[in-house]
């Protein structure tokens, strides 16, 4: 896990599913707090393979995936791979059941 005090990558446009935002609100967690963790390389509760893949993604521009345990559920944050211009266009907050 690469954890820094400043963002490691640009999130692009941030979107969240209504269910994920309602879930976070009900549990007193702000989406911004999880987005900050994601953007600074804190991949949350990902397994070792996903964590290593994320670290590699910072180098090669592929998709980034974080998992955060909130209450008895998980919240996923996925940032798209870089486009042809080297930009990440969208970061999505969602529940696993919505994937």
C-alpha atoms as a PDB file:
ATOM      1  CA  UNK A   1       0.000   0.000   0.000  1.00  0.00           C
ATOM      2  CA  UNK A   2       1.301   3.409  -0.967  1.00  0.00           C
ATOM      3  CA  UNK A   3      -0.068   5.950   1.515  1.00  0.00           C
ATOM      4  CA  UNK A   4       0.828   9.608   1.164  1.00  0.00           C
ATOM      5  CA  UNK A   5      -0.410  12.879   2.627  1.00  0.00           C
ATOM      6  CA  UNK A   6      -1.346  14.250  -0.778  1.00  0.00           C
ATOM      7  CA  UNK A   7      -3.300  12.795  -3.698  1.00  0.00           C
ATOM      8  CA  UNK A   8      -1.435  10.260  -5.838  1.00  0.00           C
ATOM      9  CA  UNK A   9      -3.766  10.722  -8.815  1.00  0.00           C
ATOM     10  CA  UNK A  10      -6.663  12.831 -10.087  1.00  0.00           C
ATOM     11  CA  UNK A  11     -10.107  11.428  -9.309  1.00  0.00           C
ATOM     12  CA  UNK A  12     -11.748  12.996 -12.366  1.00  0.00           C
ATOM     13  CA  UNK A  13     -15.498  13.474 -12.024  1.00  0.00           C
ATOM     14  CA  UNK A  14     -16.761  11.879  -8.810  1.00  0.00           C
ATOM     15  CA  UNK A  15     -20.110  10.117  -8.849  1.00  0.00           C
ATOM     16  CA  UNK A  16     -21.864   8.041  -6.243  1.00  0.00           C
ATOM     17  CA  UNK A  17     -24.841   5.777  -6.526  1.00  0.00           C
ATOM     18  CA  UNK A  18     -27.858   6.902  -4.506  1.00  0.00           C
ATOM     19  CA  UNK A  19     -27.734   3.686  -2.473  1.00  0.00           C
ATOM     20  CA  UNK A  20     -24.067   4.146  -1.547  1.00  0.00           C
ATOM     21  CA  UNK A  21     -24.543   7.773  -0.531  1.00  0.00           C
ATOM     22  CA  UNK A  22     -27.608   6.894   1.561  1.00  0.00           C
ATOM     23  CA  UNK A  23     -25.717   4.026   3.171  1.00  0.00           C
ATOM     24  CA  UNK A  24     -22.737   6.204   4.064  1.00  0.00           C
ATOM     25  CA  UNK A  25     -24.970   8.970   5.411  1.00  0.00           C
ATOM     26  CA  UNK A  26     -26.865   6.483   7.582  1.00  0.00           C
ATOM     27  CA  UNK A  27     -23.533   5.339   9.042  1.00  0.00           C
ATOM     28  CA  UNK A  28     -22.174   8.847   9.643  1.00  0.00           C
ATOM     29  CA  UNK A  29     -19.419   8.501   7.038  1.00  0.00           C
ATOM     30  CA  UNK A  30     -18.822  11.263   4.526  1.00  0.00           C
ATOM     31  CA  UNK A  31     -18.025  10.274   0.956  1.00  0.00           C
ATOM     32  CA  UNK A  32     -15.209  12.862   1.042  1.00  0.00           C
ATOM     33  CA  UNK A  33     -13.434  11.005   3.847  1.00  0.00           C
ATOM     34  CA  UNK A  34     -13.306   7.796   1.816  1.00  0.00           C
ATOM     35  CA  UNK A  35     -12.368   9.644  -1.370  1.00  0.00           C
ATOM     36  CA  UNK A  36      -9.467  11.264   0.484  1.00  0.00           C
ATOM     37  CA  UNK A  37      -8.232   7.865   1.631  1.00  0.00           C
ATOM     38  CA  UNK A  38      -8.580   6.447  -1.896  1.00  0.00           C
ATOM     39  CA  UNK A  39      -6.783   9.361  -3.567  1.00  0.00           C
ATOM     40  CA  UNK A  40      -3.865   9.221  -1.132  1.00  0.00           C
ATOM     41  CA  UNK A  41      -3.196   5.524  -1.683  1.00  0.00           C
ATOM     42  CA  UNK A  42      -5.028   4.080   1.321  1.00  0.00           C
ATOM     43  CA  UNK A  43      -6.791   1.209  -0.428  1.00  0.00           C
ATOM     44  CA  UNK A  44      -8.757   0.361   2.704  1.00  0.00           C
ATOM     45  CA  UNK A  45      -9.747  -3.262   3.126  1.00  0.00           C
ATOM     46  CA  UNK A  46      -8.606  -4.609  -0.238  1.00  0.00           C
ATOM     47  CA  UNK A  47      -6.858  -7.967  -0.261  1.00  0.00           C
ATOM     48  CA  UNK A  48      -3.120  -8.138  -0.932  1.00  0.00           C
ATOM     49  CA  UNK A  49      -3.561  -8.832  -4.658  1.00  0.00           C
ATOM     50  CA  UNK A  50      -5.845  -5.816  -5.215  1.00  0.00           C
ATOM     51  CA  UNK A  51      -3.600  -3.614  -3.108  1.00  0.00           C
ATOM     52  CA  UNK A  52      -0.548  -4.607  -5.162  1.00  0.00           C
ATOM     53  CA  UNK A  53      -2.525  -4.105  -8.389  1.00  0.00           C
ATOM     54  CA  UNK A  54      -3.447  -0.594  -7.252  1.00  0.00           C
ATOM     55  CA  UNK A  55       0.168   0.241  -6.503  1.00  0.00           C
ATOM     56  CA  UNK A  56       1.058  -0.963 -10.017  1.00  0.00           C
ATOM     57  CA  UNK A  57      -1.857   1.061 -11.442  1.00  0.00           C
ATOM     58  CA  UNK A  58      -0.255   4.249 -10.173  1.00  0.00           C
ATOM     59  CA  UNK A  59       2.616   3.425 -12.513  1.00  0.00           C
ATOM     60  CA  UNK A  60       0.759   2.097 -15.553  1.00  0.00           C
ATOM     61  CA  UNK A  61      -2.498   4.067 -15.439  1.00  0.00           C
ATOM     62  CA  UNK A  62      -4.880   1.119 -15.082  1.00  0.00           C
ATOM     63  CA  UNK A  63      -8.027   1.049 -12.938  1.00  0.00           C
ATOM     64  CA  UNK A  64      -7.872   1.717  -9.186  1.00  0.00           C
ATOM     65  CA  UNK A  65     -10.093  -0.137  -6.719  1.00  0.00           C
ATOM     66  CA  UNK A  66     -10.560   0.467  -2.985  1.00  0.00           C
ATOM     67  CA  UNK A  67     -12.760  -1.316  -0.466  1.00  0.00           C
ATOM     68  CA  UNK A  68     -13.893   0.232   2.817  1.00  0.00           C
ATOM     69  CA  UNK A  69     -15.754  -1.724   5.481  1.00  0.00           C
ATOM     70  CA  UNK A  70     -18.544   0.413   6.897  1.00  0.00           C
ATOM     71  CA  UNK A  71     -20.799  -1.205   9.464  1.00  0.00           C
ATOM     72  CA  UNK A  72     -21.486  -4.721   8.237  1.00  0.00           C
ATOM     73  CA  UNK A  73     -21.159  -3.826   4.543  1.00  0.00           C
ATOM     74  CA  UNK A  74     -18.497  -2.731   2.088  1.00  0.00           C
ATOM     75  CA  UNK A  75     -18.289   0.409   0.014  1.00  0.00           C
ATOM     76  CA  UNK A  76     -16.275   0.292  -3.187  1.00  0.00           C
ATOM     77  CA  UNK A  77     -14.507   3.185  -4.862  1.00  0.00           C
ATOM     78  CA  UNK A  78     -13.384   2.615  -8.440  1.00  0.00           C
ATOM     79  CA  UNK A  79     -11.381   5.088 -10.506  1.00  0.00           C
ATOM     80  CA  UNK A  80     -11.307   4.407 -14.237  1.00  0.00           C
ATOM     81  CA  UNK A  81      -8.092   3.724 -16.071  1.00  0.00           C
ATOM     82  CA  UNK A  82      -6.334   6.610 -17.756  1.00  0.00           C
ATOM     83  CA  UNK A  83      -7.663   7.560 -21.181  1.00  0.00           C
ATOM     84  CA  UNK A  84      -5.471   8.170 -24.247  1.00  0.00           C
ATOM     85  CA  UNK A  85      -4.570  11.619 -22.906  1.00  0.00           C
ATOM     86  CA  UNK A  86      -3.414  10.170 -19.581  1.00  0.00           C
ATOM     87  CA  UNK A  87      -6.409  11.424 -17.594  1.00  0.00           C
ATOM     88  CA  UNK A  88      -8.655   9.509 -15.246  1.00  0.00           C
ATOM     89  CA  UNK A  89     -12.182  10.617 -16.096  1.00  0.00           C
ATOM     90  CA  UNK A  90     -14.476   9.128 -13.437  1.00  0.00           C
ATOM     91  CA  UNK A  91     -14.376   7.838  -9.870  1.00  0.00           C
ATOM     92  CA  UNK A  92     -17.460   5.950  -8.693  1.00  0.00           C
ATOM     93  CA  UNK A  93     -18.621   5.241  -5.146  1.00  0.00           C
ATOM     94  CA  UNK A  94     -20.879   2.193  -5.024  1.00  0.00           C
ATOM     95  CA  UNK A  95     -21.995  -0.828  -3.060  1.00  0.00           C
ATOM     96  CA  UNK A  96     -20.797  -4.273  -4.217  1.00  0.00           C
ATOM     97  CA  UNK A  97     -24.385  -5.294  -4.957  1.00  0.00           C
ATOM     98  CA  UNK A  98     -24.526  -2.534  -7.591  1.00  0.00           C
ATOM     99  CA  UNK A  99     -21.556  -3.754  -9.598  1.00  0.00           C
END
